[in-house]
Amino acid sequence: MSVIYILISVSIFVAIAFLIAFIKAVKSGQYDDDYTPSVRMLFDDELKKENPNK
């Protein structure tokens, strides 16, 4: 039974460590997308449909 307590405490510690690492990565800008905004303007014309009645 004591093994279960050890495994639960270790798993909680690992989960907290991953949560801290994720929060640190988000705050440092790890998941910021720098590429897509620069090429988005190249594809805007393909997404717009022209109205043939005008």
PDB file of N, CA and C in Angstrom:
ATOM      1  N   MET A   1       0.815  -1.190   0.000  1.00  0.00           N
ATOM      2  CA  MET A   1       0.000   0.000   0.000  1.00  0.00           C
ATOM      3  C   MET A   1       0.861   1.258   0.000  1.00  0.00           C
ATOM      4  N   SER A   2       2.025   1.174   0.605  1.00  0.00           N
ATOM      5  CA  SER A   2       2.888   2.353   0.659  1.00  0.00           C
ATOM      6  C   SER A   2       3.465   2.676  -0.721  1.00  0.00           C
ATOM      7  N   VAL A   3       3.541   1.670  -1.592  1.00  0.00           N
ATOM      8  CA  VAL A   3       4.039   1.905  -2.946  1.00  0.00           C
ATOM      9  C   VAL A   3       3.075   2.817  -3.707  1.00  0.00           C
ATOM     10  N   ILE A   4       1.802   2.667  -3.482  1.00  0.00           N
ATOM     11  CA  ILE A   4       0.809   3.521  -4.147  1.00  0.00           C
ATOM     12  C   ILE A   4       1.005   4.972  -3.733  1.00  0.00           C
ATOM     13  N   TYR A   5       1.265   5.218  -2.461  1.00  0.00           N
ATOM     14  CA  TYR A   5       1.498   6.588  -1.999  1.00  0.00           C
ATOM     15  C   TYR A   5       2.748   7.184  -2.640  1.00  0.00           C
ATOM     16  N   ILE A   6       3.771   6.371  -2.793  1.00  0.00           N
ATOM     17  CA  ILE A   6       5.007   6.844  -3.426  1.00  0.00           C
ATOM     18  C   ILE A   6       4.754   7.154  -4.905  1.00  0.00           C
ATOM     19  N   LEU A   7       4.045   6.268  -5.597  1.00  0.00           N
ATOM     20  CA  LEU A   7       3.765   6.485  -7.019  1.00  0.00           C
ATOM     21  C   LEU A   7       2.877   7.710  -7.239  1.00  0.00           C
ATOM     22  N   ILE A   8       1.890   7.899  -6.385  1.00  0.00           N
ATOM     23  CA  ILE A   8       1.023   9.072  -6.520  1.00  0.00           C
ATOM     24  C   ILE A   8       1.810  10.353  -6.279  1.00  0.00           C
ATOM     25  N   SER A   9       2.658  10.363  -5.269  1.00  0.00           N
ATOM     26  CA  SER A   9       3.428  11.573  -4.993  1.00  0.00           C
ATOM     27  C   SER A   9       4.434  11.876  -6.098  1.00  0.00           C
ATOM     28  N   VAL A  10       5.056  10.838  -6.652  1.00  0.00           N
ATOM     29  CA  VAL A  10       5.993  11.040  -7.758  1.00  0.00           C
ATOM     30  C   VAL A  10       5.257  11.531  -9.005  1.00  0.00           C
ATOM     31  N   SER A  11       4.088  10.980  -9.289  1.00  0.00           N
ATOM     32  CA  SER A  11       3.338  11.403 -10.476  1.00  0.00           C
ATOM     33  C   SER A  11       2.835  12.836 -10.334  1.00  0.00           C
ATOM     34  N   ILE A  12       2.454  13.241  -9.146  1.00  0.00           N
ATOM     35  CA  ILE A  12       2.045  14.630  -8.924  1.00  0.00           C
ATOM     36  C   ILE A  12       3.239  15.559  -9.097  1.00  0.00           C
ATOM     37  N   PHE A  13       4.389  15.164  -8.610  1.00  0.00           N
ATOM     38  CA  PHE A  13       5.597  15.975  -8.777  1.00  0.00           C
ATOM     39  C   PHE A  13       5.955  16.131 -10.254  1.00  0.00           C
ATOM     40  N   VAL A  14       5.877  15.056 -11.024  1.00  0.00           N
ATOM     41  CA  VAL A  14       6.193  15.111 -12.447  1.00  0.00           C
ATOM     42  C   VAL A  14       5.174  15.986 -13.184  1.00  0.00           C
ATOM     43  N   ALA A  15       3.898  15.869 -12.828  1.00  0.00           N
ATOM     44  CA  ALA A  15       2.867  16.685 -13.464  1.00  0.00           C
ATOM     45  C   ALA A  15       3.080  18.165 -13.172  1.00  0.00           C
ATOM     46  N   ILE A  16       3.442  18.497 -11.959  1.00  0.00           N
ATOM     47  CA  ILE A  16       3.704  19.892 -11.604  1.00  0.00           C
ATOM     48  C   ILE A  16       4.942  20.403 -12.342  1.00  0.00           C
ATOM     49  N   ALA A  17       5.955  19.564 -12.481  1.00  0.00           N
ATOM     50  CA  ALA A  17       7.159  19.967 -13.204  1.00  0.00           C
ATOM     51  C   ALA A  17       6.841  20.254 -14.668  1.00  0.00           C
ATOM     52  N   PHE A  18       6.022  19.408 -15.310  1.00  0.00           N
ATOM     53  CA  PHE A  18       5.633  19.654 -16.695  1.00  0.00           C
ATOM     54  C   PHE A  18       4.766  20.906 -16.818  1.00  0.00           C
ATOM     55  N   LEU A  19       3.907  21.152 -15.862  1.00  0.00           N
ATOM     56  CA  LEU A  19       3.076  22.356 -15.885  1.00  0.00           C
ATOM     57  C   LEU A  19       3.933  23.611 -15.776  1.00  0.00           C
ATOM     58  N   ILE A  20       4.921  23.588 -14.902  1.00  0.00           N
ATOM     59  CA  ILE A  20       5.827  24.735 -14.753  1.00  0.00           C
ATOM     60  C   ILE A  20       6.635  24.937 -16.024  1.00  0.00           C
ATOM     61  N   ALA A  21       7.106  23.856 -16.625  1.00  0.00           N
ATOM     62  CA  ALA A  21       7.867  23.969 -17.872  1.00  0.00           C
ATOM     63  C   ALA A  21       6.995  24.518 -18.999  1.00  0.00           C
ATOM     64  N   PHE A  22       5.739  24.108 -19.068  1.00  0.00           N
ATOM     65  CA  PHE A  22       4.835  24.604 -20.090  1.00  0.00           C
ATOM     66  C   PHE A  22       4.549  26.090 -19.904  1.00  0.00           C
ATOM     67  N   ILE A  23       4.290  26.508 -18.678  1.00  0.00           N
ATOM     68  CA  ILE A  23       4.020  27.921 -18.402  1.00  0.00           C
ATOM     69  C   ILE A  23       5.246  28.770 -18.723  1.00  0.00           C
ATOM     70  N   LYS A  24       6.419  28.263 -18.389  1.00  0.00           N
ATOM     71  CA  LYS A  24       7.656  28.997 -18.693  1.00  0.00           C
ATOM     72  C   LYS A  24       7.854  29.118 -20.203  1.00  0.00           C
ATOM     73  N   ALA A  25       7.545  28.072 -20.964  1.00  0.00           N
ATOM     74  CA  ALA A  25       7.693  28.114 -22.419  1.00  0.00           C
ATOM     75  C   ALA A  25       6.703  29.084 -23.047  1.00  0.00           C
ATOM     76  N   VAL A  26       5.485  29.125 -22.530  1.00  0.00           N
ATOM     77  CA  VAL A  26       4.486  30.043 -23.077  1.00  0.00           C
ATOM     78  C   VAL A  26       4.881  31.482 -22.786  1.00  0.00           C
ATOM     79  N   LYS A  27       5.353  31.752 -21.587  1.00  0.00           N
ATOM     80  CA  LYS A  27       5.743  33.117 -21.229  1.00  0.00           C
ATOM     81  C   LYS A  27       6.985  33.584 -21.972  1.00  0.00           C
ATOM     82  N   SER A  28       7.856  32.675 -22.350  1.00  0.00           N
ATOM     83  CA  SER A  28       9.070  33.067 -23.068  1.00  0.00           C
ATOM     84  C   SER A  28       8.836  33.210 -24.569  1.00  0.00           C
ATOM     85  N   GLY A  29       7.623  32.895 -25.048  1.00  0.00           N
ATOM     86  CA  GLY A  29       7.317  33.053 -26.460  1.00  0.00           C
ATOM     87  C   GLY A  29       7.655  31.854 -27.310  1.00  0.00           C
ATOM     88  N   GLN A  30       7.750  30.713 -26.731  1.00  0.00           N
ATOM     89  CA  GLN A  30       8.098  29.504 -27.468  1.00  0.00           C
ATOM     90  C   GLN A  30       7.063  29.168 -28.534  1.00  0.00           C
ATOM     91  N   TYR A  31       5.796  29.471 -28.265  1.00  0.00           N
ATOM     92  CA  TYR A  31       4.732  29.088 -29.174  1.00  0.00           C
ATOM     93  C   TYR A  31       4.256  30.251 -30.038  1.00  0.00           C
ATOM     94  N   ASP A  32       4.984  31.355 -30.075  1.00  0.00           N
ATOM     95  CA  ASP A  32       4.631  32.463 -30.946  1.00  0.00           C
ATOM     96  C   ASP A  32       4.907  32.074 -32.388  1.00  0.00           C
ATOM     97  N   ASP A  33       4.010  32.431 -33.250  1.00  0.00           N
ATOM     98  CA  ASP A  33       4.145  32.087 -34.667  1.00  0.00           C
ATOM     99  C   ASP A  33       4.643  33.310 -35.415  1.00  0.00           C
ATOM    100  N   ASP A  34       5.906  33.291 -35.812  1.00  0.00           N
ATOM    101  CA  ASP A  34       6.490  34.409 -36.533  1.00  0.00           C
ATOM    102  C   ASP A  34       6.412  34.219 -38.040  1.00  0.00           C
ATOM    103  N   TYR A  35       6.201  33.017 -38.504  1.00  0.00           N
ATOM    104  CA  TYR A  35       6.243  32.741 -39.940  1.00  0.00           C
ATOM    105  C   TYR A  35       4.903  33.026 -40.624  1.00  0.00           C
ATOM    106  N   THR A  36       3.812  32.583 -40.045  1.00  0.00           N
ATOM    107  CA  THR A  36       2.512  32.684 -40.699  1.00  0.00           C
ATOM    108  C   THR A  36       2.091  34.120 -40.999  1.00  0.00           C
ATOM    109  N   PRO A  37       2.234  35.091 -40.083  1.00  0.00           N
ATOM    110  CA  PRO A  37       1.812  36.451 -40.447  1.00  0.00           C
ATOM    111  C   PRO A  37       2.580  37.023 -41.632  1.00  0.00           C
ATOM    112  N   SER A  38       3.812  36.636 -41.821  1.00  0.00           N
ATOM    113  CA  SER A  38       4.581  37.185 -42.930  1.00  0.00           C
ATOM    114  C   SER A  38       4.148  36.619 -44.283  1.00  0.00           C
ATOM    115  N   VAL A  39       3.599  35.422 -44.311  1.00  0.00           N
ATOM    116  CA  VAL A  39       3.146  34.849 -45.575  1.00  0.00           C
ATOM    117  C   VAL A  39       1.643  34.927 -45.746  1.00  0.00           C
ATOM    118  N   ARG A  40       0.935  35.347 -44.731  1.00  0.00           N
ATOM    119  CA  ARG A  40      -0.516  35.422 -44.833  1.00  0.00           C
ATOM    120  C   ARG A  40      -0.935  36.403 -45.920  1.00  0.00           C
ATOM    121  N   MET A  41      -0.211  37.499 -46.072  1.00  0.00           N
ATOM    122  CA  MET A  41      -0.565  38.486 -47.086  1.00  0.00           C
ATOM    123  C   MET A  41      -0.413  37.940 -48.505  1.00  0.00           C
ATOM    124  N   LEU A  42       0.384  36.915 -48.677  1.00  0.00           N
ATOM    125  CA  LEU A  42       0.559  36.328 -50.006  1.00  0.00           C
ATOM    126  C   LEU A  42      -0.635  35.487 -50.428  1.00  0.00           C
ATOM    127  N   PHE A  43      -1.371  34.986 -49.464  1.00  0.00           N
ATOM    128  CA  PHE A  43      -2.486  34.083 -49.754  1.00  0.00           C
ATOM    129  C   PHE A  43      -3.851  34.742 -49.590  1.00  0.00           C
ATOM    130  N   ASP A  44      -3.925  36.019 -49.265  1.00  0.00           N
ATOM    131  CA  ASP A  44      -5.209  36.678 -49.082  1.00  0.00           C
ATOM    132  C   ASP A  44      -6.015  36.714 -50.365  1.00  0.00           C
ATOM    133  N   ASP A  45      -5.373  36.902 -51.514  1.00  0.00           N
ATOM    134  CA  ASP A  45      -6.103  36.991 -52.768  1.00  0.00           C
ATOM    135  C   ASP A  45      -6.766  35.674 -53.139  1.00  0.00           C
ATOM    136  N   GLU A  46      -6.192  34.569 -52.764  1.00  0.00           N
ATOM    137  CA  GLU A  46      -6.776  33.279 -53.089  1.00  0.00           C
ATOM    138  C   GLU A  46      -8.010  32.994 -52.251  1.00  0.00           C
ATOM    139  N   LEU A  47      -8.084  33.549 -51.061  1.00  0.00           N
ATOM    140  CA  LEU A  47      -9.208  33.274 -50.174  1.00  0.00           C
ATOM    141  C   LEU A  47     -10.423  34.131 -50.510  1.00  0.00           C
ATOM    142  N   LYS A  48     -10.222  35.295 -51.088  1.00  0.00           N
ATOM    143  CA  LYS A  48     -11.330  36.189 -51.404  1.00  0.00           C
ATOM    144  C   LYS A  48     -11.991  35.757 -52.709  1.00  0.00           C
ATOM    145  N   LYS A  49     -13.306  35.773 -52.708  1.00  0.00           N
ATOM    146  CA  LYS A  49     -14.050  35.470 -53.923  1.00  0.00           C
ATOM    147  C   LYS A  49     -14.628  36.780 -54.452  1.00  0.00           C
ATOM    148  N   GLU A  50     -14.437  37.022 -55.716  1.00  0.00           N
ATOM    149  CA  GLU A  50     -14.941  38.239 -56.315  1.00  0.00           C
ATOM    150  C   GLU A  50     -16.399  38.044 -56.706  1.00  0.00           C
ATOM    151  N   ASN A  51     -17.170  39.117 -56.564  1.00  0.00           N
ATOM    152  CA  ASN A  51     -18.578  39.080 -56.927  1.00  0.00           C
ATOM    153  C   ASN A  51     -18.693  39.359 -58.426  1.00  0.00           C
ATOM    154  N   PRO A  52     -19.215  38.428 -59.229  1.00  0.00           N
ATOM    155  CA  PRO A  52     -19.283  38.629 -60.676  1.00  0.00           C
ATOM    156  C   PRO A  52     -20.336  39.664 -61.094  1.00  0.00           C
ATOM    157  N   ASN A  53     -21.244  40.044 -60.204  1.00  0.00           N
ATOM    158  CA  ASN A  53     -22.303  41.003 -60.550  1.00  0.00           C
ATOM    159  C   ASN A  53     -21.810  42.432 -60.561  1.00  0.00           C
ATOM    160  N   LYS A  54     -20.671  42.711 -59.977  1.00  0.00           N
ATOM    161  CA  LYS A  54     -20.169  44.087 -59.899  1.00  0.00           C
ATOM    162  C   LYS A  54     -19.370  44.450 -61.107  1.00  0.00           C
TER     163      LYS A  54
END
